[in-house]
Amino acid sequence: MRRVLLIGCGEVGAKHADALTLADGLDLVAVADPSPVAAPPSGVPLVAGWETALAEYAPDVVVVATPPGSALVAARAAARTGAVVLVEKPAAITPADLEPAEEDRRIFVAFQPHFAPGLAWLLGQSPTARRAAVRLVCRRDRGYYRDWRTRYATAGGILHQQAIHGLALALRLLPPGPVRSSTAEVHRVRQWGESEDHVTATVDFESGAVLTVDARVDSDEPRCHDVTLHLDGGQELHVRGRNLESGLGPAPTAPDDRALRLAMYDALPTGDTGPLHPCLFPLSELRRTLEVIDHAYRTARTVPEARTAS
């Protein structure tokens, strides 16, 4: 059994705690959080500081579910002890934070929707997409915007938080290369935080590839997060779901969030050698995603609104 330390037991950390207690071959030995939103599972010790927990429990696997910035610091410290680390997205806000470090080879980003049906095959084949369209429709109410989530410097925008699962997937399949130009619009109607309610963007790459994004968190429509890929040769693929969870398969048989997390844990490597599971997302690949997000926001035009929400 591999010993697991969970750092952070807020809303997302609680989902990890629930799933980790069911994971084969993993033993959740402690939760580190000075002020947890949720109580740890029965019998699992709570430790205030993650540095203390790393030293005391010597985990083999560390799951980091804290806000951006602090997440990257904790993840790299854990990786330096030799642990395999899974860190919640987006881990950081600016691409400069992801200057390569030696320990990054043991860190992976928690994109559990990338384990949806058919995506292991797709990512294993690595076809080249020339166009990708990412769509997100969901609702975040006033209660969501509190503490660190109210500030762009600590939370980023929709592209960092809600839409990053699809963005990261699309960018894995678009050709490598820098951004040539981007046009984007942000709409801030409710003004419950510095983040926007709706963002649209078109990103052109020097390779000739094009990425489009339409993402909003103020909608009463049914939730969806999907990616459409236009591959070389004319084939079109659709990755669908409330959060990509249907993958390339039918919606009625889509796995739930817990099942996807369990698949992600099961794919974590046990050492530094051997091929990685195709759905695992190395931290080193996240920099390109953050570069695209950063470019879109830096060039975005804020659309004036006639009113603000009360």
Protein backbone atom coordinates (compact mmCIF):
# COMPACT_ATOMS: atom_id res chain seq x y z
CA MET A 1 0.00 0.00 0.00
CA ARG A 2 1.27 3.45 -0.91
CA ARG A 3 0.93 6.07 1.83
CA VAL A 4 -0.98 9.19 0.76
CA LEU A 5 -0.97 12.67 2.27
CA LEU A 6 -3.74 15.08 1.25
CA ILE A 7 -2.79 18.76 1.55
CA GLY A 8 -5.90 20.93 1.66
CA CYS A 9 -9.40 19.85 2.65
CA GLY A 10 -11.61 22.53 1.17
CA GLU A 11 -14.38 21.85 -1.33
CA VAL A 12 -12.10 20.16 -3.85
CA GLY A 13 -9.92 18.52 -1.23
CA ALA A 14 -13.00 16.89 0.28
CA LYS A 15 -13.70 15.22 -3.07
CA HIS A 16 -10.19 13.83 -3.07
CA ALA A 17 -10.56 12.63 0.53
CA ASP A 18 -13.75 10.77 -0.37
CA ALA A 19 -12.22 9.11 -3.43
CA LEU A 20 -8.88 8.30 -1.80
CA THR A 21 -10.57 6.21 0.88
CA LEU A 22 -11.85 3.95 -1.92
CA ALA A 23 -8.68 3.80 -4.03
CA ASP A 24 -7.02 0.41 -4.43
CA GLY A 25 -3.43 0.29 -3.25
CA LEU A 26 -3.55 3.69 -1.52
CA ASP A 27 -3.77 4.43 2.19
CA LEU A 28 -4.75 7.98 3.19
CA VAL A 29 -2.53 8.44 6.24
CA ALA A 30 -3.14 12.14 7.00
CA VAL A 31 -4.79 15.38 5.91
CA ALA A 32 -2.89 18.66 6.29
CA ASP A 33 -4.94 21.84 6.58
CA PRO A 34 -4.89 24.58 9.27
CA SER A 35 -8.62 25.31 8.79
CA PRO A 36 -10.36 22.54 6.80
CA VAL A 37 -13.77 23.19 5.28
CA ALA A 38 -14.59 19.50 5.56
CA ALA A 39 -13.58 17.06 8.27
CA PRO A 40 -11.11 14.33 7.26
CA PRO A 41 -12.49 10.81 6.81
CA SER A 42 -13.02 8.90 10.03
CA GLY A 43 -9.76 7.76 11.56
CA VAL A 44 -7.54 9.94 9.36
CA PRO A 45 -5.39 12.37 11.38
CA LEU A 46 -5.60 16.12 10.73
CA VAL A 47 -2.33 18.06 10.82
CA ALA A 48 -2.19 21.86 10.70
CA GLY A 49 0.98 22.24 8.63
CA TRP A 50 1.91 20.34 5.50
CA GLU A 51 5.63 20.63 6.22
CA THR A 52 5.09 18.81 9.52
CA ALA A 53 2.93 16.19 7.82
CA LEU A 54 5.55 15.51 5.14
CA ALA A 55 8.20 14.92 7.78
CA GLU A 56 6.00 12.88 10.10
CA TYR A 57 4.24 10.59 7.63
CA ALA A 58 6.81 10.27 4.81
CA PRO A 59 4.13 9.74 2.15
CA ASP A 60 4.71 7.98 -1.15
CA VAL A 61 1.97 10.02 -2.84
CA VAL A 62 0.89 13.58 -2.08
CA VAL A 63 -2.32 15.17 -3.38
CA VAL A 64 -2.28 18.98 -3.19
CA ALA A 65 -5.68 20.69 -3.23
CA THR A 66 -4.90 24.24 -2.12
CA PRO A 67 -5.30 27.59 -3.94
CA PRO A 68 -2.92 28.48 -6.79
CA GLY A 69 0.48 29.70 -5.72
CA SER A 70 0.55 27.89 -2.39
CA ALA A 71 -0.29 24.71 -4.29
CA LEU A 72 2.86 24.91 -6.40
CA VAL A 73 5.08 25.55 -3.37
CA ALA A 74 3.66 22.56 -1.51
CA ALA A 75 3.75 20.32 -4.59
CA ARG A 76 7.41 21.01 -5.30
CA ALA A 77 8.38 20.57 -1.66
CA ALA A 78 6.60 17.21 -1.59
CA ALA A 79 8.25 16.12 -4.84
CA ARG A 80 11.68 16.95 -3.45
CA THR A 81 11.09 14.31 -0.76
CA GLY A 82 10.72 11.71 -3.53
CA ALA A 83 6.92 11.50 -3.42
CA VAL A 84 4.77 11.35 -6.53
CA VAL A 85 2.56 14.44 -6.48
CA LEU A 86 -0.86 15.23 -7.90
CA VAL A 87 -1.64 18.96 -7.76
CA GLU A 88 -4.99 20.61 -8.38
CA LYS A 89 -5.31 22.92 -11.36
CA PRO A 90 -4.27 25.55 -12.13
CA ALA A 91 -1.36 25.24 -9.62
CA ALA A 92 -0.21 28.75 -10.62
CA ILE A 93 -1.63 31.80 -12.38
CA THR A 94 1.29 33.07 -14.45
CA PRO A 95 3.48 30.98 -16.75
CA ALA A 96 6.60 32.50 -15.20
CA ASP A 97 5.81 30.55 -12.02
CA LEU A 98 6.42 27.35 -13.95
CA GLU A 99 10.10 27.85 -14.72
CA PRO A 100 11.29 24.22 -14.90
CA ALA A 101 12.56 22.60 -11.72
CA GLU A 102 14.15 19.15 -11.41
CA GLU A 103 11.43 17.89 -9.07
CA ASP A 104 8.69 18.73 -11.58
CA ARG A 105 9.13 15.32 -13.22
CA ARG A 106 7.32 13.79 -10.24
CA ILE A 107 4.39 16.24 -10.35
CA PHE A 108 1.17 15.79 -12.32
CA VAL A 109 -1.90 18.03 -12.67
CA ALA A 110 -5.28 16.74 -11.50
CA PHE A 111 -7.22 16.74 -14.77
CA GLN A 112 -9.48 13.81 -13.95
CA PRO A 113 -11.82 14.49 -16.93
CA HIS A 114 -8.91 13.51 -19.20
CA PHE A 115 -9.54 9.93 -18.03
CA ALA A 116 -13.00 9.90 -19.65
CA PRO A 117 -13.88 7.05 -22.04
CA GLY A 118 -11.85 7.02 -25.24
CA LEU A 119 -9.36 9.69 -24.21
CA ALA A 120 -6.58 7.23 -23.34
CA TRP A 121 -6.84 5.93 -26.90
CA LEU A 122 -6.98 9.46 -28.33
CA LEU A 123 -4.02 10.77 -26.34
CA GLY A 124 -2.08 7.60 -26.99
CA GLN A 125 -2.55 8.05 -30.74
CA SER A 126 -1.62 11.76 -30.52
CA PRO A 127 -3.37 12.84 -33.72
CA THR A 128 -2.75 16.42 -34.82
CA ALA A 129 -5.67 18.81 -34.53
CA ARG A 130 -5.66 21.93 -36.67
CA ARG A 131 -8.66 23.53 -34.98
CA ALA A 132 -10.11 23.09 -31.53
CA ALA A 133 -13.19 24.67 -29.96
CA VAL A 134 -13.68 24.69 -26.19
CA ARG A 135 -17.08 25.45 -24.71
CA LEU A 136 -18.12 25.86 -21.08
CA VAL A 137 -21.56 26.69 -19.73
CA CYS A 138 -22.14 26.60 -15.98
CA ARG A 139 -23.20 28.75 -13.06
CA ARG A 140 -21.20 30.05 -10.14
CA ASP A 141 -23.35 31.95 -7.65
CA ARG A 142 -22.34 34.64 -5.17
CA GLY A 143 -21.36 32.12 -2.51
CA TYR A 144 -18.57 30.82 -4.74
CA TYR A 145 -16.82 34.19 -4.82
CA ARG A 146 -15.16 34.54 -1.43
CA ASP A 147 -11.68 34.85 0.00
CA TRP A 148 -8.98 34.07 -2.59
CA ARG A 149 -11.54 33.44 -5.33
CA THR A 150 -12.45 37.14 -5.49
CA ARG A 151 -9.04 38.25 -6.78
CA TYR A 152 -7.49 37.65 -10.16
CA ALA A 153 -3.99 37.49 -8.68
CA THR A 154 -4.92 34.51 -6.51
CA ALA A 155 -7.61 32.76 -8.57
CA GLY A 156 -7.21 33.90 -12.16
CA GLY A 157 -10.24 33.93 -14.43
CA ILE A 158 -12.62 31.41 -15.95
CA LEU A 159 -9.86 30.11 -18.22
CA HIS A 160 -7.70 29.28 -15.18
CA GLN A 161 -10.47 27.74 -13.11
CA GLN A 162 -13.51 26.28 -14.88
CA ALA A 163 -12.44 26.00 -18.55
CA ILE A 164 -8.88 24.77 -18.04
CA HIS A 165 -9.79 21.07 -18.29
CA GLY A 166 -10.88 21.50 -21.90
CA LEU A 167 -8.17 24.02 -22.76
CA ALA A 168 -5.42 21.72 -21.54
CA LEU A 169 -6.87 18.78 -23.45
CA ALA A 170 -7.16 20.78 -26.68
CA LEU A 171 -3.61 22.09 -26.39
CA ARG A 172 -2.23 18.58 -25.98
CA LEU A 173 -3.56 17.79 -29.45
CA LEU A 174 -2.81 21.05 -31.25
CA PRO A 175 0.68 21.33 -32.80
CA PRO A 176 3.39 22.77 -30.55
CA GLY A 177 4.45 26.34 -31.14
CA PRO A 178 3.97 29.88 -29.86
CA VAL A 179 0.90 32.08 -30.12
CA ARG A 180 0.88 34.38 -33.13
CA SER A 181 -2.11 36.49 -32.07
CA SER A 182 -5.29 36.36 -30.06
CA THR A 183 -8.50 38.31 -29.77
CA ALA A 184 -10.68 38.02 -26.70
CA GLU A 185 -13.61 39.68 -24.99
CA VAL A 186 -14.50 39.55 -21.31
CA HIS A 187 -17.87 40.42 -19.81
CA ARG A 188 -18.16 41.41 -16.14
CA VAL A 189 -21.82 41.86 -15.30
CA ARG A 190 -22.27 40.62 -11.75
CA GLN A 191 -18.92 41.93 -10.45
CA TRP A 192 -18.78 39.53 -7.50
CA GLY A 193 -15.03 39.27 -7.97
CA GLU A 194 -12.31 40.41 -10.31
CA SER A 195 -12.94 37.42 -12.57
CA GLU A 196 -15.27 37.69 -15.54
CA ASP A 197 -18.71 36.13 -16.06
CA HIS A 198 -18.14 35.31 -19.74
CA VAL A 199 -15.06 35.14 -21.94
CA THR A 200 -14.65 34.43 -25.63
CA ALA A 201 -11.31 34.08 -27.36
CA THR A 202 -9.74 33.13 -30.67
CA VAL A 203 -6.08 32.17 -30.50
CA ASP A 204 -3.99 31.80 -33.66
CA PHE A 205 -0.72 29.89 -33.47
CA GLU A 206 2.35 30.23 -35.66
CA SER A 207 1.77 26.61 -36.73
CA GLY A 208 -1.49 27.70 -38.38
CA ALA A 209 -3.63 26.01 -35.73
CA VAL A 210 -6.59 27.88 -34.24
CA LEU A 211 -8.17 27.56 -30.80
CA THR A 212 -11.52 29.12 -29.95
CA VAL A 213 -13.06 29.39 -26.50
CA ASP A 214 -16.54 30.36 -25.32
CA ALA A 215 -16.84 30.02 -21.55
CA ARG A 216 -19.35 31.46 -19.11
CA VAL A 217 -20.24 30.95 -15.46
CA ASP A 218 -23.46 32.99 -15.27
CA SER A 219 -25.83 30.75 -17.21
CA ASP A 220 -29.02 28.96 -16.16
CA GLU A 221 -28.72 26.61 -19.13
CA PRO A 222 -27.78 22.95 -18.56
CA ARG A 223 -24.15 22.65 -17.59
CA CYS A 224 -21.70 21.51 -20.26
CA HIS A 225 -17.99 21.52 -20.90
CA ASP A 226 -16.92 20.07 -24.22
CA VAL A 227 -14.18 20.16 -26.83
CA THR A 228 -14.52 19.81 -30.60
CA LEU A 229 -11.37 18.74 -32.45
CA HIS A 230 -10.82 19.09 -36.19
CA LEU A 231 -8.05 16.64 -37.07
CA ASP A 232 -5.74 16.39 -40.05
CA GLY A 233 -7.57 14.50 -42.76
CA GLY A 234 -10.91 16.11 -42.02
CA GLN A 235 -12.05 13.97 -39.08
CA GLU A 236 -14.04 15.72 -36.37
CA LEU A 237 -14.14 14.45 -32.79
CA HIS A 238 -16.36 15.62 -29.94
CA VAL A 239 -15.42 15.26 -26.28
CA ARG A 240 -18.64 15.87 -24.38
CA GLY A 241 -20.16 16.04 -20.93
CA ARG A 242 -20.98 18.33 -18.05
CA ASN A 243 -17.22 18.36 -17.52
CA LEU A 244 -15.89 16.27 -20.44
CA GLU A 245 -16.79 13.09 -18.52
CA SER A 246 -18.50 11.39 -21.48
CA GLY A 247 -15.26 11.60 -23.42
CA LEU A 248 -15.77 9.99 -26.82
CA GLY A 249 -18.49 7.70 -25.47
CA PRO A 250 -22.26 7.97 -24.91
CA ALA A 251 -23.51 10.22 -22.12
CA PRO A 252 -25.66 7.57 -20.36
CA THR A 253 -22.61 5.44 -19.54
CA ALA A 254 -20.27 8.27 -18.56
CA PRO A 255 -18.33 7.70 -15.34
CA ASP A 256 -18.92 10.05 -12.42
CA ASP A 257 -16.33 12.35 -10.91
CA ARG A 258 -15.30 9.85 -8.24
CA ALA A 259 -14.68 7.11 -10.82
CA LEU A 260 -12.52 9.47 -12.87
CA ARG A 261 -10.49 10.42 -9.81
CA LEU A 262 -9.95 6.74 -8.99
CA ALA A 263 -8.71 6.13 -12.54
CA MET A 264 -6.35 9.08 -12.20
CA TYR A 265 -4.92 7.82 -8.90
CA ASP A 266 -4.47 4.35 -10.38
CA ALA A 267 -2.41 5.83 -13.23
CA LEU A 268 0.12 7.55 -10.96
CA PRO A 269 3.59 6.07 -11.49
CA THR A 270 5.40 4.18 -8.76
CA GLY A 271 8.86 5.38 -9.78
CA ASP A 272 10.81 7.63 -12.11
CA THR A 273 11.11 5.13 -14.98
CA GLY A 274 8.75 3.57 -17.47
CA PRO A 275 6.12 5.04 -19.78
CA LEU A 276 3.46 7.30 -18.32
CA HIS A 277 -0.25 6.70 -18.72
CA PRO A 278 -1.32 8.82 -21.73
CA CYS A 279 -4.01 10.61 -19.72
CA LEU A 280 -1.65 11.82 -16.99
CA PHE A 281 -0.79 15.50 -17.39
CA PRO A 282 2.80 16.35 -16.38
CA LEU A 283 3.27 19.70 -14.66
CA SER A 284 5.83 20.62 -17.32
CA GLU A 285 3.05 20.69 -19.94
CA LEU A 286 0.97 23.15 -17.95
CA ARG A 287 3.20 26.09 -18.84
CA ARG A 288 1.93 26.18 -22.43
CA THR A 289 -1.67 26.20 -21.19
CA LEU A 290 -0.92 29.13 -18.88
CA GLU A 291 0.91 30.96 -21.69
CA VAL A 292 -2.16 30.72 -23.92
CA ILE A 293 -4.45 31.83 -21.09
CA ASP A 294 -2.13 34.71 -20.21
CA HIS A 295 -1.98 35.88 -23.83
CA ALA A 296 -5.77 35.78 -24.15
CA TYR A 297 -6.35 37.87 -21.04
CA ARG A 298 -3.57 40.37 -21.80
CA THR A 299 -5.09 41.13 -25.20
CA ALA A 300 -8.74 40.93 -24.10
CA ARG A 301 -11.19 43.75 -24.55
CA THR A 302 -13.61 44.36 -21.69
CA VAL A 303 -17.11 44.72 -23.09
CA PRO A 304 -19.05 47.55 -21.42
CA GLU A 305 -22.25 46.38 -19.76
CA ALA A 306 -25.45 48.33 -19.39
CA ARG A 307 -26.05 47.09 -15.85
CA THR A 308 -24.52 45.24 -12.92
CA ALA A 309 -26.15 42.43 -10.99
CA SER A 310 -27.42 43.20 -7.51
